[in-house]
């Protein structure tokens, strides 16, 4: 059986060195690279071809949440594990909403990182004990929350832009915009563009974008 290819994305050198040293003690894991921000991860994922990405959240240029969402659009088979010091329910839930397969706190015993990698490689989801304890159902009025990318697209649509104009502005395909648009309507229970615009105005989307953490 071939080794699991792991990419570490974190802007803290000591953290990266520690994780890399731990993982290299396992014969069934190969660390294929260490990067310092989400932009590098998005740009180099095809070249490095990892099976699992260990992703920090707070990084310069492109943060872990945005990088995870972009990677899921281009590589839906990729397993992203968030490795973070933040244990708030909002951070954990938002990471999972963005497509992460699991969430591991940085203060867990080192063997838990290996356990998390094995679990997501087997097709499962992994939440360390601290993350499971922190994670609670969110009060969203019965609605499934929008991801940051969906909020960005909702803003564009509410400004009257067409799918093609949104695709050009965000450098994504028209089909991807259409998919996001359908998901936004489904999550909000809104069927018309006018309804989306009204929702955006009433909920402050037109005043800014991004997930509120």
N, C-alpha and C. Protein backbone atom coordinates (compact mmCIF):
# COMPACT_ATOMS: atom_id res chain seq x y z
N UNK A 1 0.85 -1.20 0.00
CA UNK A 1 0.00 0.00 0.00
C UNK A 1 0.89 1.24 0.00
N UNK A 2 0.57 2.20 -0.87
CA UNK A 2 1.39 3.40 -0.96
C UNK A 2 1.15 4.30 0.25
N UNK A 3 2.15 5.11 0.57
CA UNK A 3 2.06 6.00 1.72
C UNK A 3 1.07 7.12 1.46
N UNK A 4 0.42 7.59 2.52
CA UNK A 4 -0.48 8.74 2.44
C UNK A 4 0.36 10.00 2.28
N UNK A 5 0.06 10.77 1.24
CA UNK A 5 0.80 11.99 0.94
C UNK A 5 0.17 13.16 1.70
N UNK A 6 0.97 13.82 2.55
CA UNK A 6 0.45 14.87 3.41
C UNK A 6 1.15 16.20 3.11
N UNK A 7 0.35 17.26 2.98
CA UNK A 7 0.85 18.62 2.79
C UNK A 7 0.52 19.42 4.04
N UNK A 8 1.51 20.11 4.60
CA UNK A 8 1.31 20.93 5.80
C UNK A 8 1.30 22.40 5.40
N UNK A 9 0.23 23.11 5.77
CA UNK A 9 0.10 24.53 5.43
C UNK A 9 -0.09 25.32 6.73
N UNK A 10 0.96 26.01 7.15
CA UNK A 10 0.94 26.74 8.43
C UNK A 10 2.07 27.75 8.40
N UNK A 11 1.81 28.96 8.91
CA UNK A 11 2.84 30.00 8.85
C UNK A 11 3.68 30.08 10.13
N UNK A 12 3.57 29.08 11.00
CA UNK A 12 4.38 29.03 12.21
C UNK A 12 5.46 27.96 12.04
N UNK A 13 6.72 28.36 11.80
CA UNK A 13 7.80 27.39 11.52
C UNK A 13 7.96 26.31 12.57
N UNK A 14 7.83 26.67 13.85
CA UNK A 14 8.02 25.67 14.90
C UNK A 14 6.92 24.62 14.86
N UNK A 15 5.70 25.06 14.57
CA UNK A 15 4.58 24.12 14.47
C UNK A 15 4.81 23.17 13.31
N UNK A 16 5.19 23.73 12.16
CA UNK A 16 5.43 22.92 10.96
C UNK A 16 6.53 21.90 11.21
N UNK A 17 7.63 22.36 11.78
CA UNK A 17 8.76 21.46 12.04
C UNK A 17 8.37 20.34 12.99
N UNK A 18 7.58 20.67 14.01
CA UNK A 18 7.16 19.66 14.97
C UNK A 18 6.26 18.61 14.35
N UNK A 19 5.26 19.07 13.57
CA UNK A 19 4.33 18.13 12.92
C UNK A 19 5.07 17.27 11.90
N UNK A 20 5.93 17.90 11.12
CA UNK A 20 6.68 17.16 10.11
C UNK A 20 7.55 16.08 10.75
N UNK A 21 8.20 16.42 11.84
CA UNK A 21 9.06 15.45 12.53
C UNK A 21 8.24 14.27 13.05
N UNK A 22 7.05 14.56 13.55
CA UNK A 22 6.18 13.49 14.07
C UNK A 22 5.72 12.58 12.93
N UNK A 23 5.24 13.18 11.85
CA UNK A 23 4.69 12.38 10.75
C UNK A 23 5.75 11.55 10.06
N UNK A 24 6.97 12.04 10.02
CA UNK A 24 8.03 11.31 9.35
C UNK A 24 8.46 10.05 10.10
N UNK A 25 7.95 9.88 11.32
CA UNK A 25 8.25 8.65 12.06
C UNK A 25 7.35 7.50 11.63
N UNK A 26 6.32 7.81 10.82
CA UNK A 26 5.40 6.77 10.36
C UNK A 26 5.77 6.32 8.94
N UNK A 27 5.89 5.04 8.75
CA UNK A 27 6.28 4.51 7.44
C UNK A 27 5.19 4.70 6.39
N UNK A 28 3.93 4.84 6.82
CA UNK A 28 2.82 4.94 5.87
C UNK A 28 2.41 6.38 5.59
N UNK A 29 3.27 7.34 5.95
CA UNK A 29 2.99 8.75 5.67
C UNK A 29 4.21 9.39 5.01
N UNK A 30 3.95 10.17 3.98
CA UNK A 30 5.01 10.93 3.30
C UNK A 30 4.62 12.41 3.29
N UNK A 31 5.43 13.25 3.90
CA UNK A 31 5.18 14.69 3.87
C UNK A 31 5.72 15.23 2.54
N UNK A 32 4.81 15.68 1.67
CA UNK A 32 5.20 16.10 0.32
C UNK A 32 5.54 17.58 0.22
N UNK A 33 5.27 18.33 1.30
CA UNK A 33 5.61 19.75 1.25
C UNK A 33 5.12 20.48 2.49
N UNK A 34 5.71 21.65 2.74
CA UNK A 34 5.28 22.54 3.81
C UNK A 34 5.16 23.94 3.22
N UNK A 35 4.00 24.57 3.39
CA UNK A 35 3.74 25.88 2.82
C UNK A 35 3.29 26.83 3.92
N UNK A 36 3.35 28.13 3.65
CA UNK A 36 3.09 29.11 4.71
C UNK A 36 1.79 29.88 4.58
N UNK A 37 1.02 29.68 3.50
CA UNK A 37 -0.27 30.36 3.39
C UNK A 37 -1.18 29.65 2.39
N UNK A 38 -2.45 30.03 2.43
CA UNK A 38 -3.45 29.38 1.59
C UNK A 38 -3.23 29.61 0.10
N UNK A 39 -2.68 30.75 -0.26
CA UNK A 39 -2.44 31.01 -1.68
C UNK A 39 -1.47 29.99 -2.25
N UNK A 40 -0.39 29.72 -1.52
CA UNK A 40 0.58 28.73 -1.97
C UNK A 40 -0.07 27.35 -2.09
N UNK A 41 -0.96 27.04 -1.15
CA UNK A 41 -1.63 25.74 -1.18
C UNK A 41 -2.47 25.59 -2.45
N UNK A 42 -3.23 26.63 -2.77
CA UNK A 42 -4.08 26.59 -3.97
C UNK A 42 -3.22 26.49 -5.23
N UNK A 43 -2.13 27.24 -5.26
CA UNK A 43 -1.28 27.27 -6.45
C UNK A 43 -0.48 25.98 -6.65
N UNK A 44 -0.13 25.30 -5.57
CA UNK A 44 0.80 24.18 -5.69
C UNK A 44 0.19 22.80 -5.42
N UNK A 45 -1.11 22.76 -5.16
CA UNK A 45 -1.73 21.48 -4.82
C UNK A 45 -1.64 20.47 -5.97
N UNK A 46 -1.77 20.94 -7.21
CA UNK A 46 -1.67 20.02 -8.34
C UNK A 46 -0.26 19.45 -8.47
N UNK A 47 0.72 20.31 -8.25
CA UNK A 47 2.12 19.90 -8.35
C UNK A 47 2.49 18.90 -7.25
N UNK A 48 2.05 19.15 -6.03
CA UNK A 48 2.44 18.32 -4.89
C UNK A 48 1.55 17.09 -4.74
N UNK A 49 0.32 17.18 -5.25
CA UNK A 49 -0.62 16.06 -5.27
C UNK A 49 -0.77 15.34 -3.92
N UNK A 50 -1.15 16.07 -2.88
CA UNK A 50 -1.33 15.43 -1.57
C UNK A 50 -2.66 14.67 -1.49
N UNK A 51 -2.73 13.72 -0.58
CA UNK A 51 -4.00 13.06 -0.26
C UNK A 51 -4.71 13.81 0.85
N UNK A 52 -3.90 14.36 1.78
CA UNK A 52 -4.42 15.07 2.94
C UNK A 52 -3.67 16.39 3.10
N UNK A 53 -4.41 17.45 3.41
CA UNK A 53 -3.79 18.75 3.70
C UNK A 53 -4.08 19.10 5.15
N UNK A 54 -3.04 19.35 5.93
CA UNK A 54 -3.18 19.87 7.28
C UNK A 54 -3.14 21.38 7.17
N UNK A 55 -4.27 22.04 7.44
CA UNK A 55 -4.43 23.47 7.13
C UNK A 55 -4.66 24.30 8.39
N UNK A 56 -3.79 25.29 8.59
CA UNK A 56 -4.00 26.27 9.65
C UNK A 56 -5.11 27.22 9.21
N UNK A 57 -5.72 27.94 10.15
CA UNK A 57 -6.78 28.88 9.79
C UNK A 57 -6.27 30.28 9.52
N UNK A 58 -5.57 30.86 10.48
CA UNK A 58 -5.14 32.25 10.36
C UNK A 58 -3.76 32.34 9.72
N UNK A 59 -3.75 32.68 8.44
CA UNK A 59 -2.50 32.81 7.69
C UNK A 59 -2.57 34.04 6.80
N UNK A 60 -1.42 34.60 6.42
CA UNK A 60 -1.41 35.78 5.54
C UNK A 60 -1.85 35.43 4.12
N UNK A 61 -2.23 36.47 3.38
CA UNK A 61 -2.59 36.40 1.96
C UNK A 61 -3.93 35.70 1.74
N UNK A 62 -3.99 34.39 1.94
CA UNK A 62 -5.26 33.66 1.84
C UNK A 62 -5.37 32.78 3.08
N UNK A 63 -6.46 32.94 3.85
CA UNK A 63 -6.58 32.18 5.09
C UNK A 63 -7.01 30.75 4.83
N UNK A 64 -7.01 29.95 5.87
CA UNK A 64 -7.30 28.53 5.72
C UNK A 64 -8.71 28.23 5.27
N UNK A 65 -9.69 29.02 5.72
CA UNK A 65 -11.07 28.79 5.32
C UNK A 65 -11.26 29.01 3.82
N UNK A 66 -10.76 30.15 3.34
CA UNK A 66 -10.88 30.45 1.91
C UNK A 66 -10.14 29.44 1.06
N UNK A 67 -8.94 29.08 1.50
CA UNK A 67 -8.16 28.09 0.75
C UNK A 67 -8.86 26.75 0.69
N UNK A 68 -9.46 26.35 1.81
CA UNK A 68 -10.20 25.08 1.84
C UNK A 68 -11.35 25.10 0.85
N UNK A 69 -12.10 26.18 0.84
CA UNK A 69 -13.25 26.26 -0.06
C UNK A 69 -12.81 26.22 -1.53
N UNK A 70 -11.75 26.94 -1.85
CA UNK A 70 -11.25 26.94 -3.23
C UNK A 70 -10.75 25.55 -3.62
N UNK A 71 -10.02 24.90 -2.72
CA UNK A 71 -9.51 23.56 -2.99
C UNK A 71 -10.64 22.56 -3.20
N UNK A 72 -11.72 22.71 -2.45
CA UNK A 72 -12.85 21.79 -2.60
C UNK A 72 -13.54 21.95 -3.95
N UNK A 73 -13.47 23.17 -4.50
CA UNK A 73 -14.06 23.40 -5.82
C UNK A 73 -13.25 22.72 -6.92
N UNK A 74 -11.94 22.71 -6.75
CA UNK A 74 -11.06 22.16 -7.79
C UNK A 74 -10.65 20.73 -7.53
N UNK A 75 -10.60 20.34 -6.25
CA UNK A 75 -10.17 18.99 -5.87
C UNK A 75 -11.12 18.41 -4.82
N UNK A 76 -12.35 18.08 -5.21
CA UNK A 76 -13.33 17.60 -4.22
C UNK A 76 -12.93 16.30 -3.52
N UNK A 77 -11.96 15.59 -4.09
CA UNK A 77 -11.50 14.34 -3.48
C UNK A 77 -10.46 14.57 -2.39
N UNK A 78 -9.98 15.81 -2.27
CA UNK A 78 -8.92 16.13 -1.30
C UNK A 78 -9.48 16.13 0.12
N UNK A 79 -8.69 15.60 1.06
CA UNK A 79 -9.10 15.63 2.46
C UNK A 79 -8.36 16.75 3.17
N UNK A 80 -9.11 17.75 3.62
CA UNK A 80 -8.51 18.87 4.35
C UNK A 80 -8.82 18.71 5.83
N UNK A 81 -7.77 18.71 6.64
CA UNK A 81 -7.89 18.67 8.09
C UNK A 81 -7.45 20.02 8.64
N UNK A 82 -8.34 20.72 9.32
CA UNK A 82 -7.97 21.98 9.94
C UNK A 82 -7.20 21.69 11.22
N UNK A 83 -6.04 22.33 11.35
CA UNK A 83 -5.20 22.19 12.54
C UNK A 83 -5.06 23.58 13.14
N UNK A 84 -5.76 23.83 14.24
CA UNK A 84 -5.86 25.21 14.74
C UNK A 84 -5.83 25.26 16.26
N UNK A 85 -5.54 26.45 16.79
CA UNK A 85 -5.58 26.68 18.23
C UNK A 85 -6.97 27.15 18.65
N UNK A 86 -7.83 27.51 17.69
CA UNK A 86 -9.15 28.05 18.00
C UNK A 86 -10.16 26.92 18.24
N UNK A 87 -10.83 26.98 19.40
CA UNK A 87 -11.78 25.94 19.73
C UNK A 87 -13.22 26.45 19.83
N UNK A 88 -13.49 27.63 19.25
CA UNK A 88 -14.84 28.16 19.32
C UNK A 88 -15.75 27.40 18.35
N UNK A 89 -17.02 27.21 18.70
CA UNK A 89 -17.96 26.50 17.83
C UNK A 89 -18.06 27.13 16.44
N UNK A 90 -17.96 28.47 16.39
CA UNK A 90 -18.10 29.15 15.10
C UNK A 90 -16.97 28.77 14.15
N UNK A 91 -15.76 28.73 14.65
CA UNK A 91 -14.62 28.36 13.82
C UNK A 91 -14.77 26.92 13.33
N UNK A 92 -15.12 26.02 14.23
CA UNK A 92 -15.21 24.60 13.88
C UNK A 92 -16.33 24.37 12.87
N UNK A 93 -17.51 24.91 13.14
CA UNK A 93 -18.64 24.72 12.25
C UNK A 93 -18.38 25.32 10.87
N UNK A 94 -17.79 26.51 10.86
CA UNK A 94 -17.51 27.17 9.59
C UNK A 94 -16.50 26.38 8.77
N UNK A 95 -15.49 25.83 9.43
CA UNK A 95 -14.50 25.01 8.72
C UNK A 95 -15.16 23.81 8.07
N UNK A 96 -16.06 23.15 8.79
CA UNK A 96 -16.76 21.99 8.22
C UNK A 96 -17.68 22.42 7.08
N UNK A 97 -18.32 23.59 7.23
CA UNK A 97 -19.17 24.12 6.16
C UNK A 97 -18.37 24.35 4.88
N UNK A 98 -17.11 24.71 5.03
CA UNK A 98 -16.26 25.01 3.89
C UNK A 98 -15.68 23.75 3.23
N UNK A 99 -15.97 22.60 3.79
CA UNK A 99 -15.53 21.36 3.16
C UNK A 99 -14.45 20.59 3.88
N UNK A 100 -13.98 21.11 5.02
CA UNK A 100 -12.95 20.39 5.77
C UNK A 100 -13.51 19.05 6.25
N UNK A 101 -12.65 18.02 6.24
CA UNK A 101 -13.07 16.69 6.68
C UNK A 101 -12.90 16.51 8.19
N UNK A 102 -12.21 17.45 8.81
CA UNK A 102 -12.01 17.30 10.24
C UNK A 102 -11.37 18.52 10.86
N UNK A 103 -11.30 18.53 12.18
CA UNK A 103 -10.78 19.67 12.93
C UNK A 103 -9.98 19.14 14.11
N UNK A 104 -8.71 19.53 14.19
CA UNK A 104 -7.81 19.06 15.24
C UNK A 104 -7.20 20.27 15.94
N UNK A 105 -7.31 20.32 17.24
CA UNK A 105 -6.70 21.41 18.00
C UNK A 105 -5.20 21.16 18.14
N UNK A 106 -4.43 22.23 18.12
CA UNK A 106 -2.97 22.10 18.11
C UNK A 106 -2.40 21.57 19.43
N UNK A 107 -3.21 21.58 20.49
CA UNK A 107 -2.68 21.10 21.76
C UNK A 107 -3.01 19.63 22.03
N UNK A 108 -3.50 18.92 21.01
CA UNK A 108 -3.83 17.50 21.22
C UNK A 108 -2.54 16.66 21.26
N UNK A 109 -2.59 15.48 21.86
CA UNK A 109 -1.43 14.58 21.81
C UNK A 109 -1.07 14.29 20.36
N UNK A 110 0.21 14.16 20.08
CA UNK A 110 0.66 14.05 18.70
C UNK A 110 0.06 12.87 17.94
N UNK A 111 -0.22 11.78 18.66
CA UNK A 111 -0.78 10.62 17.96
C UNK A 111 -2.17 10.88 17.41
N UNK A 112 -2.85 11.91 17.92
CA UNK A 112 -4.19 12.23 17.42
C UNK A 112 -4.13 12.75 15.98
N UNK A 113 -3.04 13.40 15.61
CA UNK A 113 -2.92 13.89 14.23
C UNK A 113 -2.86 12.71 13.27
N UNK A 114 -2.10 11.70 13.62
CA UNK A 114 -2.03 10.49 12.80
C UNK A 114 -3.39 9.80 12.75
N UNK A 115 -4.07 9.75 13.88
CA UNK A 115 -5.40 9.15 13.96
C UNK A 115 -6.37 9.89 13.04
N UNK A 116 -6.27 11.23 13.02
CA UNK A 116 -7.15 12.04 12.17
C UNK A 116 -6.89 11.76 10.69
N UNK A 117 -5.62 11.68 10.33
CA UNK A 117 -5.26 11.40 8.94
C UNK A 117 -5.81 10.04 8.51
N UNK A 118 -5.63 9.04 9.34
CA UNK A 118 -6.12 7.70 9.01
C UNK A 118 -7.63 7.68 8.86
N UNK A 119 -8.32 8.42 9.72
CA UNK A 119 -9.78 8.40 9.69
C UNK A 119 -10.34 9.06 8.43
N UNK A 120 -9.78 10.20 8.05
CA UNK A 120 -10.30 10.85 6.84
C UNK A 120 -9.89 10.09 5.58
N UNK A 121 -8.75 9.42 5.62
CA UNK A 121 -8.34 8.59 4.49
C UNK A 121 -9.28 7.40 4.32
N UNK A 122 -9.89 6.97 5.42
CA UNK A 122 -10.84 5.86 5.37
C UNK A 122 -12.24 6.32 4.99
N UNK A 123 -12.37 7.64 4.71
CA UNK A 123 -13.66 8.17 4.28
C UNK A 123 -14.49 8.78 5.38
N UNK A 124 -13.93 8.87 6.59
CA UNK A 124 -14.68 9.42 7.70
C UNK A 124 -14.40 10.88 7.96
N UNK A 125 -15.03 11.39 9.01
CA UNK A 125 -14.80 12.76 9.49
C UNK A 125 -14.14 12.65 10.85
N UNK A 126 -13.27 13.61 11.18
CA UNK A 126 -12.57 13.54 12.46
C UNK A 126 -12.69 14.86 13.20
N UNK A 127 -13.16 14.78 14.43
CA UNK A 127 -13.15 15.93 15.34
C UNK A 127 -12.45 15.48 16.61
N UNK A 128 -11.42 16.18 17.01
CA UNK A 128 -10.74 15.82 18.25
C UNK A 128 -11.69 16.09 19.42
N UNK A 129 -11.36 15.56 20.59
CA UNK A 129 -12.25 15.66 21.75
C UNK A 129 -12.60 17.11 22.08
N UNK A 130 -11.61 17.99 22.03
CA UNK A 130 -11.86 19.39 22.34
C UNK A 130 -12.81 20.05 21.35
N UNK A 131 -12.69 19.68 20.09
CA UNK A 131 -13.57 20.25 19.06
C UNK A 131 -14.98 19.72 19.23
N UNK A 132 -15.12 18.44 19.55
CA UNK A 132 -16.44 17.85 19.74
C UNK A 132 -17.15 18.50 20.91
N UNK A 133 -16.41 18.77 21.98
CA UNK A 133 -16.98 19.40 23.16
C UNK A 133 -17.44 20.83 22.86
N UNK A 134 -16.65 21.54 22.05
CA UNK A 134 -16.97 22.94 21.75
C UNK A 134 -18.12 23.08 20.76
N UNK A 135 -18.27 22.07 19.91
CA UNK A 135 -19.23 22.18 18.82
C UNK A 135 -20.65 21.99 19.33
N UNK A 136 -21.47 22.99 19.11
CA UNK A 136 -22.87 22.93 19.52
C UNK A 136 -23.75 23.34 18.34
N UNK A 137 -24.99 22.87 18.32
CA UNK A 137 -25.89 23.29 17.24
C UNK A 137 -26.05 24.80 17.23
N UNK A 138 -25.97 25.39 16.06
CA UNK A 138 -26.10 26.84 15.95
C UNK A 138 -27.54 27.24 15.68
N UNK A 139 -27.94 28.37 16.23
CA UNK A 139 -29.27 28.89 15.97
C UNK A 139 -29.25 29.69 14.68
N UNK A 140 -29.70 29.08 13.60
CA UNK A 140 -29.70 29.75 12.30
C UNK A 140 -31.12 29.91 11.77
N UNK A 141 -32.09 29.86 12.72
CA UNK A 141 -33.47 30.02 12.29
C UNK A 141 -33.93 28.87 11.41
N UNK A 142 -33.31 27.71 11.58
CA UNK A 142 -33.70 26.57 10.77
C UNK A 142 -33.03 26.53 9.42
N UNK A 143 -32.23 27.53 9.09
CA UNK A 143 -31.57 27.59 7.79
C UNK A 143 -30.16 27.04 7.89
N UNK A 144 -29.72 26.44 6.79
CA UNK A 144 -28.32 26.04 6.68
C UNK A 144 -27.50 27.30 6.38
N UNK A 145 -26.44 27.57 7.12
CA UNK A 145 -25.69 28.82 6.94
C UNK A 145 -24.96 28.88 5.61
N UNK A 146 -24.80 30.11 5.10
CA UNK A 146 -24.03 30.32 3.87
C UNK A 146 -22.54 30.31 4.18
N UNK A 147 -21.75 29.76 3.26
CA UNK A 147 -20.30 29.83 3.39
C UNK A 147 -19.86 31.24 3.00
N UNK A 148 -18.59 31.55 3.26
CA UNK A 148 -18.09 32.88 2.91
C UNK A 148 -18.13 33.10 1.40
N UNK A 149 -17.84 32.05 0.62
CA UNK A 149 -17.90 32.20 -0.85
C UNK A 149 -19.34 32.47 -1.30
N UNK A 150 -20.30 31.80 -0.69
CA UNK A 150 -21.70 32.02 -1.05
C UNK A 150 -22.13 33.43 -0.66
N UNK A 151 -21.65 33.93 0.48
CA UNK A 151 -21.97 35.30 0.87
C UNK A 151 -21.39 36.30 -0.13
N UNK A 152 -20.17 36.01 -0.60
CA UNK A 152 -19.54 36.89 -1.60
C UNK A 152 -20.34 36.90 -2.88
N UNK A 153 -20.77 35.72 -3.33
CA UNK A 153 -21.56 35.63 -4.56
C UNK A 153 -22.92 36.29 -4.37
N UNK A 154 -23.52 36.11 -3.19
CA UNK A 154 -24.80 36.76 -2.91
C UNK A 154 -24.66 38.27 -3.01
N UNK A 155 -23.56 38.82 -2.50
CA UNK A 155 -23.31 40.26 -2.60
C UNK A 155 -23.27 40.69 -4.06
N UNK A 156 -22.53 39.93 -4.87
CA UNK A 156 -22.41 40.26 -6.30
C UNK A 156 -23.78 40.23 -6.99
N UNK A 157 -24.56 39.19 -6.69
CA UNK A 157 -25.88 39.06 -7.31
C UNK A 157 -26.82 40.17 -6.86
N UNK A 158 -26.72 40.52 -5.57
CA UNK A 158 -27.58 41.57 -5.03
C UNK A 158 -27.26 42.93 -5.64
N UNK A 159 -26.04 43.08 -6.17
CA UNK A 159 -25.65 44.32 -6.84
C UNK A 159 -26.11 44.33 -8.29
N UNK A 160 -26.83 43.27 -8.69
CA UNK A 160 -27.41 43.23 -10.03
C UNK A 160 -26.53 42.60 -11.09
N UNK A 161 -25.43 41.95 -10.70
CA UNK A 161 -24.53 41.34 -11.68
C UNK A 161 -25.09 40.01 -12.19
N UNK A 162 -24.81 39.72 -13.45
CA UNK A 162 -25.22 38.45 -14.04
C UNK A 162 -24.26 37.34 -13.61
N UNK A 163 -24.65 36.10 -13.88
CA UNK A 163 -23.77 34.97 -13.54
C UNK A 163 -22.41 35.13 -14.22
N UNK A 164 -22.42 35.58 -15.46
CA UNK A 164 -21.17 35.74 -16.21
C UNK A 164 -20.30 36.83 -15.59
N UNK A 165 -20.92 37.93 -15.18
CA UNK A 165 -20.16 39.03 -14.57
C UNK A 165 -19.57 38.60 -13.22
N UNK A 166 -20.32 37.81 -12.47
CA UNK A 166 -19.81 37.31 -11.18
C UNK A 166 -18.64 36.36 -11.43
N UNK A 167 -18.77 35.50 -12.43
CA UNK A 167 -17.71 34.55 -12.76
C UNK A 167 -16.41 35.28 -13.11
N UNK A 168 -16.53 36.34 -13.89
CA UNK A 168 -15.35 37.13 -14.28
C UNK A 168 -14.75 37.82 -13.06
N UNK A 169 -15.60 38.39 -12.21
CA UNK A 169 -15.12 39.14 -11.04
C UNK A 169 -14.39 38.24 -10.05
N UNK A 170 -14.85 36.99 -9.92
CA UNK A 170 -14.27 36.07 -8.93
C UNK A 170 -13.32 35.06 -9.56
N UNK A 171 -13.15 35.14 -10.88
CA UNK A 171 -12.25 34.24 -11.60
C UNK A 171 -12.64 32.78 -11.40
N UNK A 172 -13.94 32.50 -11.55
CA UNK A 172 -14.44 31.13 -11.50
C UNK A 172 -15.33 30.91 -12.71
N UNK A 173 -15.75 29.67 -12.94
CA UNK A 173 -16.57 29.37 -14.12
C UNK A 173 -18.03 29.80 -13.90
N UNK A 174 -18.73 30.04 -14.99
CA UNK A 174 -20.15 30.39 -14.90
C UNK A 174 -20.92 29.24 -14.25
N UNK A 175 -20.53 28.01 -14.58
CA UNK A 175 -21.21 26.85 -14.01
C UNK A 175 -21.06 26.83 -12.48
N UNK A 176 -19.88 27.20 -12.00
CA UNK A 176 -19.66 27.25 -10.55
C UNK A 176 -20.55 28.31 -9.90
N UNK A 177 -20.69 29.46 -10.57
CA UNK A 177 -21.58 30.51 -10.06
C UNK A 177 -23.02 30.01 -10.01
N UNK A 178 -23.43 29.32 -11.07
CA UNK A 178 -24.81 28.80 -11.14
C UNK A 178 -25.06 27.81 -10.01
N UNK A 179 -24.05 26.97 -9.74
CA UNK A 179 -24.19 25.99 -8.66
C UNK A 179 -24.32 26.69 -7.31
N UNK A 180 -23.46 27.68 -7.07
CA UNK A 180 -23.53 28.44 -5.83
C UNK A 180 -24.89 29.15 -5.72
N UNK A 181 -25.35 29.70 -6.82
CA UNK A 181 -26.63 30.43 -6.82
C UNK A 181 -27.78 29.51 -6.42
N UNK A 182 -27.78 28.29 -6.96
CA UNK A 182 -28.81 27.32 -6.61
C UNK A 182 -28.73 26.96 -5.14
N UNK A 183 -27.50 26.77 -4.65
CA UNK A 183 -27.32 26.41 -3.23
C UNK A 183 -27.76 27.54 -2.31
N UNK A 184 -27.47 28.78 -2.71
CA UNK A 184 -27.89 29.94 -1.91
C UNK A 184 -29.41 30.00 -1.81
N UNK A 185 -30.06 29.84 -2.96
CA UNK A 185 -31.53 29.88 -2.98
C UNK A 185 -32.12 28.75 -2.13
N UNK A 186 -31.50 27.56 -2.24
CA UNK A 186 -32.00 26.41 -1.48
C UNK A 186 -31.84 26.65 0.02
N UNK A 187 -30.66 27.13 0.42
CA UNK A 187 -30.40 27.34 1.84
C UNK A 187 -31.31 28.42 2.44
N UNK A 188 -31.57 29.46 1.67
CA UNK A 188 -32.36 30.59 2.18
C UNK A 188 -33.85 30.41 1.94
N UNK A 189 -34.21 29.41 1.11
CA UNK A 189 -35.62 29.20 0.80
C UNK A 189 -36.18 30.33 -0.05
N UNK A 190 -35.33 30.88 -0.94
CA UNK A 190 -35.72 32.00 -1.81
C UNK A 190 -35.65 31.54 -3.26
N UNK A 191 -36.67 31.88 -4.04
CA UNK A 191 -36.73 31.38 -5.42
C UNK A 191 -36.39 32.42 -6.48
N UNK A 192 -36.38 33.70 -6.13
CA UNK A 192 -36.16 34.74 -7.14
C UNK A 192 -34.93 35.59 -6.83
N UNK A 193 -34.40 36.23 -7.87
CA UNK A 193 -33.26 37.14 -7.69
C UNK A 193 -33.67 38.34 -6.85
N UNK A 194 -34.90 38.80 -7.05
CA UNK A 194 -35.39 39.93 -6.25
C UNK A 194 -35.42 39.56 -4.77
N UNK A 195 -35.78 38.31 -4.50
CA UNK A 195 -35.81 37.83 -3.13
C UNK A 195 -34.43 37.80 -2.52
N UNK A 196 -33.42 37.41 -3.33
CA UNK A 196 -32.04 37.39 -2.86
C UNK A 196 -31.58 38.80 -2.53
N UNK A 197 -31.94 39.76 -3.39
CA UNK A 197 -31.55 41.15 -3.16
C UNK A 197 -32.19 41.68 -1.88
N UNK A 198 -33.46 41.35 -1.69
CA UNK A 198 -34.17 41.81 -0.48
C UNK A 198 -33.53 41.20 0.77
N UNK A 199 -33.18 39.92 0.69
CA UNK A 199 -32.52 39.25 1.82
C UNK A 199 -31.18 39.93 2.13
N UNK A 200 -30.42 40.24 1.08
CA UNK A 200 -29.11 40.86 1.25
C UNK A 200 -29.23 42.22 1.93
N UNK A 201 -30.26 42.98 1.55
CA UNK A 201 -30.47 44.30 2.14
C UNK A 201 -30.89 44.19 3.60
N UNK A 202 -31.78 43.25 3.89
CA UNK A 202 -32.32 43.12 5.24
C UNK A 202 -31.32 42.54 6.23
N UNK A 203 -30.34 41.77 5.71
CA UNK A 203 -29.41 41.10 6.59
C UNK A 203 -27.99 41.68 6.55
N UNK A 204 -27.86 42.86 5.97
CA UNK A 204 -26.58 43.55 6.01
C UNK A 204 -25.51 43.01 5.10
N UNK A 205 -25.88 42.13 4.15
CA UNK A 205 -24.88 41.56 3.25
C UNK A 205 -24.27 42.64 2.36
N UNK A 206 -25.07 43.64 2.01
CA UNK A 206 -24.58 44.70 1.14
C UNK A 206 -23.58 45.61 1.84
N UNK A 207 -23.45 45.46 3.15
CA UNK A 207 -22.49 46.29 3.89
C UNK A 207 -21.13 45.61 4.03
N UNK A 208 -21.00 44.38 3.56
CA UNK A 208 -19.73 43.67 3.68
C UNK A 208 -19.94 42.19 3.46
N UNK A 209 -18.86 41.47 3.36
CA UNK A 209 -18.93 40.04 3.13
C UNK A 209 -18.07 39.31 4.13
N UNK A 210 -18.12 38.00 4.07
CA UNK A 210 -17.27 37.18 4.91
C UNK A 210 -18.01 36.57 6.09
N UNK A 211 -17.51 35.51 6.57
CA UNK A 211 -18.11 34.84 7.72
C UNK A 211 -17.76 35.61 8.98
N UNK A 212 -18.76 35.83 9.80
CA UNK A 212 -18.50 36.59 11.03
C UNK A 212 -18.06 35.62 12.11
N UNK A 213 -16.81 35.71 12.51
CA UNK A 213 -16.27 34.78 13.51
C UNK A 213 -15.99 35.52 14.80
